[in-house]
């Protein structure tokens, strides 16, 4: 698949995705960025890890900016968690700290799995 064709496919997928699917897509990419950044840091590739960590930070900022904390009682806790993850990613990038990335993965991956399950539940039982 050419780069242009792939970009078109991704753009069309995003444009036609439900809000639930978009959330899952963001979490999937965040988890992938963290996995790759941790591997890059372990391999000594700081520039590669930095690019991935900055992209992960952008995703966390997007997740946080679209969170309406008043919509549900877990909103404030999730907001705090996003703030913590963002701060850890910044420090991981500055210090080249793979452990901080791993710590973020232990938080992000279960969240991603929960959102995947919630989105699947909504898709199976539309209101």
C-alpha atoms as a PDB file:
ATOM      1  CA  UNK A   1       0.000   0.000   0.000  1.00  0.00           C
ATOM      2  CA  UNK A   2       1.451   3.352  -0.975  1.00  0.00           C
ATOM      3  CA  UNK A   3       1.790   6.116   1.584  1.00  0.00           C
ATOM      4  CA  UNK A   4      -0.791   8.264  -0.204  1.00  0.00           C
ATOM      5  CA  UNK A   5      -3.290   5.412  -0.341  1.00  0.00           C
ATOM      6  CA  UNK A   6      -2.721   4.604   3.313  1.00  0.00           C
ATOM      7  CA  UNK A   7      -3.197   8.264   4.300  1.00  0.00           C
ATOM      8  CA  UNK A   8      -6.444   8.400   2.326  1.00  0.00           C
ATOM      9  CA  UNK A   9      -7.683   5.210   3.992  1.00  0.00           C
ATOM     10  CA  UNK A  10      -6.834   6.538   7.468  1.00  0.00           C
ATOM     11  CA  UNK A  11      -8.495   9.897   6.756  1.00  0.00           C
ATOM     12  CA  UNK A  12     -11.655   8.193   5.509  1.00  0.00           C
ATOM     13  CA  UNK A  13     -11.678   5.811   8.483  1.00  0.00           C
ATOM     14  CA  UNK A  14     -11.442   8.712  10.913  1.00  0.00           C
ATOM     15  CA  UNK A  15     -14.039  10.806   9.074  1.00  0.00           C
ATOM     16  CA  UNK A  16     -16.624   8.016   9.144  1.00  0.00           C
ATOM     17  CA  UNK A  17     -15.908   6.573  12.595  1.00  0.00           C
ATOM     18  CA  UNK A  18     -18.366   6.836  15.464  1.00  0.00           C
ATOM     19  CA  UNK A  19     -17.281   8.800  18.551  1.00  0.00           C
ATOM     20  CA  UNK A  20     -16.749   5.503  20.373  1.00  0.00           C
ATOM     21  CA  UNK A  21     -14.565   4.164  17.565  1.00  0.00           C
ATOM     22  CA  UNK A  22     -12.556   7.410  17.470  1.00  0.00           C
ATOM     23  CA  UNK A  23     -11.866   7.082  21.188  1.00  0.00           C
ATOM     24  CA  UNK A  24     -10.691   3.500  20.714  1.00  0.00           C
ATOM     25  CA  UNK A  25      -8.517   4.566  17.779  1.00  0.00           C
ATOM     26  CA  UNK A  26      -6.844   7.222  19.938  1.00  0.00           C
ATOM     27  CA  UNK A  27      -6.206   4.735  22.731  1.00  0.00           C
ATOM     28  CA  UNK A  28      -4.881   2.136  20.283  1.00  0.00           C
ATOM     29  CA  UNK A  29      -2.417   4.635  18.856  1.00  0.00           C
ATOM     30  CA  UNK A  30      -1.431   5.867  22.316  1.00  0.00           C
ATOM     31  CA  UNK A  31      -0.683   2.305  23.435  1.00  0.00           C
ATOM     32  CA  UNK A  32       1.297   1.678  20.243  1.00  0.00           C
ATOM     33  CA  UNK A  33       3.304   4.890  20.683  1.00  0.00           C
ATOM     34  CA  UNK A  34       4.145   3.916  24.260  1.00  0.00           C
ATOM     35  CA  UNK A  35       5.169   0.395  23.280  1.00  0.00           C
ATOM     36  CA  UNK A  36       7.395   1.692  20.494  1.00  0.00           C
ATOM     37  CA  UNK A  37       8.850   4.491  22.649  1.00  0.00           C
ATOM     38  CA  UNK A  38       9.760   2.041  25.387  1.00  0.00           C
ATOM     39  CA  UNK A  39      11.458  -0.216  22.836  1.00  0.00           C
ATOM     40  CA  UNK A  40      13.278   2.768  21.312  1.00  0.00           C
ATOM     41  CA  UNK A  41      14.564   3.899  24.697  1.00  0.00           C
ATOM     42  CA  UNK A  42      15.693   0.376  25.519  1.00  0.00           C
ATOM     43  CA  UNK A  43      17.566   0.293  22.207  1.00  0.00           C
ATOM     44  CA  UNK A  44      19.199   3.672  22.887  1.00  0.00           C
ATOM     45  CA  UNK A  45      17.239   5.520  20.181  1.00  0.00           C
ATOM     46  CA  UNK A  46      16.422   8.742  22.046  1.00  0.00           C
ATOM     47  CA  UNK A  47      15.389  10.733  18.950  1.00  0.00           C
ATOM     48  CA  UNK A  48      12.982   8.014  17.831  1.00  0.00           C
ATOM     49  CA  UNK A  49      11.587   7.666  21.336  1.00  0.00           C
ATOM     50  CA  UNK A  50      11.204  11.423  21.638  1.00  0.00           C
ATOM     51  CA  UNK A  51       9.057  11.655  18.506  1.00  0.00           C
ATOM     52  CA  UNK A  52       6.840   8.845  19.754  1.00  0.00           C
ATOM     53  CA  UNK A  53       6.551  10.332  23.232  1.00  0.00           C
ATOM     54  CA  UNK A  54       5.609  13.741  21.852  1.00  0.00           C
ATOM     55  CA  UNK A  55       2.920  12.126  19.717  1.00  0.00           C
ATOM     56  CA  UNK A  56       1.671  10.237  22.777  1.00  0.00           C
ATOM     57  CA  UNK A  57       1.574  13.527  24.697  1.00  0.00           C
ATOM     58  CA  UNK A  58      -0.532  15.049  21.912  1.00  0.00           C
ATOM     59  CA  UNK A  59      -2.980  12.152  22.162  1.00  0.00           C
ATOM     60  CA  UNK A  60      -3.261  12.493  25.934  1.00  0.00           C
ATOM     61  CA  UNK A  61      -3.908  16.229  25.537  1.00  0.00           C
ATOM     62  CA  UNK A  62      -6.631  15.469  22.987  1.00  0.00           C
ATOM     63  CA  UNK A  63      -8.223  12.872  25.260  1.00  0.00           C
ATOM     64  CA  UNK A  64      -8.108  15.326  28.144  1.00  0.00           C
ATOM     65  CA  UNK A  65      -9.483  18.264  26.153  1.00  0.00           C
ATOM     66  CA  UNK A  66     -12.488  16.261  24.976  1.00  0.00           C
ATOM     67  CA  UNK A  67     -13.289  14.877  28.430  1.00  0.00           C
ATOM     68  CA  UNK A  68     -16.345  16.481  29.977  1.00  0.00           C
ATOM     69  CA  UNK A  69     -15.760  15.842  33.675  1.00  0.00           C
ATOM     70  CA  UNK A  70     -19.338  16.807  34.562  1.00  0.00           C
ATOM     71  CA  UNK A  71     -20.881  14.056  32.414  1.00  0.00           C
ATOM     72  CA  UNK A  72     -20.112  11.236  34.852  1.00  0.00           C
ATOM     73  CA  UNK A  73     -18.771  10.801  38.351  1.00  0.00           C
ATOM     74  CA  UNK A  74     -15.533   9.194  37.108  1.00  0.00           C
ATOM     75  CA  UNK A  75     -14.680  12.254  35.008  1.00  0.00           C
ATOM     76  CA  UNK A  76     -12.563  14.098  37.586  1.00  0.00           C
ATOM     77  CA  UNK A  77     -10.536  10.960  38.348  1.00  0.00           C
ATOM     78  CA  UNK A  78      -9.926  10.321  34.644  1.00  0.00           C
ATOM     79  CA  UNK A  79      -8.889  13.958  34.225  1.00  0.00           C
ATOM     80  CA  UNK A  80      -6.351  13.550  37.028  1.00  0.00           C
ATOM     81  CA  UNK A  81      -5.088  10.348  35.455  1.00  0.00           C
ATOM     82  CA  UNK A  82      -4.607  12.076  32.099  1.00  0.00           C
ATOM     83  CA  UNK A  83      -2.653  14.839  33.869  1.00  0.00           C
ATOM     84  CA  UNK A  84      -0.441  12.258  35.565  1.00  0.00           C
ATOM     85  CA  UNK A  85       0.196  10.326  32.336  1.00  0.00           C
ATOM     86  CA  UNK A  86       1.028  13.540  30.488  1.00  0.00           C
ATOM     87  CA  UNK A  87       3.495  14.603  33.167  1.00  0.00           C
ATOM     88  CA  UNK A  88       5.149  11.191  33.199  1.00  0.00           C
ATOM     89  CA  UNK A  89       5.492  11.234  29.418  1.00  0.00           C
ATOM     90  CA  UNK A  90       7.153  14.644  29.524  1.00  0.00           C
ATOM     91  CA  UNK A  91       9.602  13.436  32.187  1.00  0.00           C
ATOM     92  CA  UNK A  92      10.205  10.181  30.314  1.00  0.00           C
ATOM     93  CA  UNK A  93      11.101  12.210  27.244  1.00  0.00           C
ATOM     94  CA  UNK A  94      13.346  14.657  29.073  1.00  0.00           C
ATOM     95  CA  UNK A  95      15.161  11.978  31.052  1.00  0.00           C
ATOM     96  CA  UNK A  96      15.038   9.141  28.534  1.00  0.00           C
ATOM     97  CA  UNK A  97      13.331   7.037  31.190  1.00  0.00           C
ATOM     98  CA  UNK A  98      11.872   3.781  29.863  1.00  0.00           C
ATOM     99  CA  UNK A  99      10.511   2.920  33.329  1.00  0.00           C
ATOM    100  CA  UNK A 100       8.202   5.938  33.258  1.00  0.00           C
ATOM    101  CA  UNK A 101       6.934   4.845  29.853  1.00  0.00           C
ATOM    102  CA  UNK A 102       6.319   1.360  31.244  1.00  0.00           C
ATOM    103  CA  UNK A 103       4.419   2.879  34.172  1.00  0.00           C
ATOM    104  CA  UNK A 104       2.219   4.794  31.733  1.00  0.00           C
ATOM    105  CA  UNK A 105       1.584   1.609  29.769  1.00  0.00           C
ATOM    106  CA  UNK A 106       0.327  -0.119  32.911  1.00  0.00           C
ATOM    107  CA  UNK A 107      -2.305   2.615  33.174  1.00  0.00           C
ATOM    108  CA  UNK A 108      -3.130   3.199  29.508  1.00  0.00           C
ATOM    109  CA  UNK A 109      -3.448  -0.391  28.311  1.00  0.00           C
ATOM    110  CA  UNK A 110      -6.198  -1.420  30.779  1.00  0.00           C
ATOM    111  CA  UNK A 111      -8.023   1.836  30.026  1.00  0.00           C
ATOM    112  CA  UNK A 112      -7.816   1.073  26.320  1.00  0.00           C
ATOM    113  CA  UNK A 113      -9.175  -2.427  26.920  1.00  0.00           C
ATOM    114  CA  UNK A 114     -12.061  -1.013  28.956  1.00  0.00           C
ATOM    115  CA  UNK A 115     -12.955   1.494  26.228  1.00  0.00           C
ATOM    116  CA  UNK A 116     -12.762  -1.273  23.596  1.00  0.00           C
ATOM    117  CA  UNK A 117     -15.205  -3.361  25.644  1.00  0.00           C
ATOM    118  CA  UNK A 118     -17.513  -0.375  26.203  1.00  0.00           C
ATOM    119  CA  UNK A 119     -17.515   0.502  22.493  1.00  0.00           C
ATOM    120  CA  UNK A 120     -18.240  -3.117  21.565  1.00  0.00           C
ATOM    121  CA  UNK A 121     -21.092  -3.177  24.064  1.00  0.00           C
ATOM    122  CA  UNK A 122     -22.595  -0.034  22.551  1.00  0.00           C
ATOM    123  CA  UNK A 123     -22.215  -1.416  19.033  1.00  0.00           C
ATOM    124  CA  UNK A 124     -23.932  -4.656  20.035  1.00  0.00           C
ATOM    125  CA  UNK A 125     -26.825  -2.887  21.764  1.00  0.00           C
ATOM    126  CA  UNK A 126     -27.483   0.447  20.009  1.00  0.00           C
ATOM    127  CA  UNK A 127     -29.918   2.763  21.748  1.00  0.00           C
END
